[in-house]
Amino acid sequence: MPAVAWTTVIITALIVGITAVGLLRVIFHLKAIKATLRQVTGGVGAVAQLTSTVPDRLASVNASLKPVRDFCETV
């Protein structure tokens, strides 16, 4: 093979190798991001559970406080 062909093969191998290393780095970064997003999703779920609405069984409390609410609206 002539020298130009070898040069082309070497340059092509270098480009492919550098691209492969770059893609591997992207894969590892995406895996790290995936793990972080799982933790964030778990945290958001915990916050949502802790800040959920008051259960329906407390409806009697709201009924008992209706006179107070009516008085506050007149003020």
Protein backbone atom coordinates (compact mmCIF):
# COMPACT_ATOMS: atom_id res chain seq x y z
CA MET A 1 0.00 0.00 0.00
CA PRO A 2 1.20 3.49 -0.68
CA ALA A 3 2.00 5.89 2.13
CA VAL A 4 -1.13 7.95 1.46
CA ALA A 5 -3.32 4.89 2.05
CA TRP A 6 -1.59 4.11 5.35
CA THR A 7 -1.94 7.70 6.43
CA THR A 8 -5.66 7.59 5.64
CA VAL A 9 -6.10 4.34 7.57
CA ILE A 10 -4.21 5.70 10.60
CA ILE A 11 -6.14 8.98 10.62
CA THR A 12 -9.43 7.09 10.23
CA ALA A 13 -8.51 4.76 13.11
CA LEU A 14 -7.64 7.75 15.31
CA ILE A 15 -10.94 9.47 14.51
CA VAL A 16 -12.94 6.31 15.20
CA GLY A 17 -11.01 5.66 18.42
CA ILE A 18 -11.48 9.19 19.75
CA THR A 19 -15.17 9.08 18.85
CA ALA A 20 -15.57 5.74 20.64
CA VAL A 21 -13.90 7.10 23.79
CA GLY A 22 -16.16 10.16 23.67
CA LEU A 23 -19.25 8.00 23.32
CA LEU A 24 -18.17 5.82 26.25
CA ARG A 25 -17.78 8.94 28.37
CA VAL A 26 -21.30 10.03 27.38
CA ILE A 27 -22.64 6.60 28.36
CA PHE A 28 -21.02 6.82 31.80
CA HIS A 29 -22.32 10.35 32.34
CA LEU A 30 -25.83 9.29 31.36
CA LYS A 31 -25.68 6.39 33.83
CA ALA A 32 -24.66 8.81 36.59
CA ILE A 33 -27.50 11.15 35.64
CA LYS A 34 -29.95 8.25 35.66
CA ALA A 35 -28.95 7.35 39.22
CA THR A 36 -29.30 10.98 40.32
CA LEU A 37 -32.73 11.27 38.70
CA ARG A 38 -33.88 8.14 40.52
CA GLN A 39 -32.88 9.74 43.82
CA VAL A 40 -34.62 12.99 42.91
CA THR A 41 -37.76 11.13 41.89
CA GLY A 42 -37.77 9.29 45.21
CA GLY A 43 -37.36 12.59 47.06
CA VAL A 44 -40.18 14.21 45.13
CA GLY A 45 -42.41 11.24 45.91
CA ALA A 46 -41.61 11.55 49.61
CA VAL A 47 -42.36 15.28 49.59
CA ALA A 48 -45.62 14.67 47.74
CA GLN A 49 -46.64 12.08 50.30
CA LEU A 50 -45.76 14.32 53.25
CA THR A 51 -47.63 17.30 51.81
CA SER A 52 -50.74 15.45 50.67
CA THR A 53 -54.18 16.79 51.47
CA VAL A 54 -55.96 16.16 54.72
CA PRO A 55 -57.91 12.89 54.67
CA ASP A 56 -61.66 12.91 54.21
CA ARG A 57 -62.27 11.58 57.72
CA LEU A 58 -61.64 15.08 59.03
CA ALA A 59 -64.77 16.38 57.32
CA SER A 60 -66.50 16.55 60.70
CA VAL A 61 -63.86 19.01 61.90
CA ASN A 62 -64.58 21.26 58.93
CA ALA A 63 -68.31 21.04 59.68
CA SER A 64 -67.66 22.00 63.29
CA LEU A 65 -65.62 25.01 62.24
CA LYS A 66 -68.23 26.32 59.79
CA PRO A 67 -69.65 28.86 62.31
CA VAL A 68 -66.16 30.22 62.91
CA ARG A 69 -65.54 30.55 59.19
CA ASP A 70 -68.87 32.28 58.68
CA PHE A 71 -68.05 34.75 61.46
CA CYS A 72 -64.61 35.47 59.97
CA GLU A 73 -66.18 36.23 56.59
CA THR A 74 -68.45 38.84 58.16
CA VAL A 75 -65.53 40.69 59.76
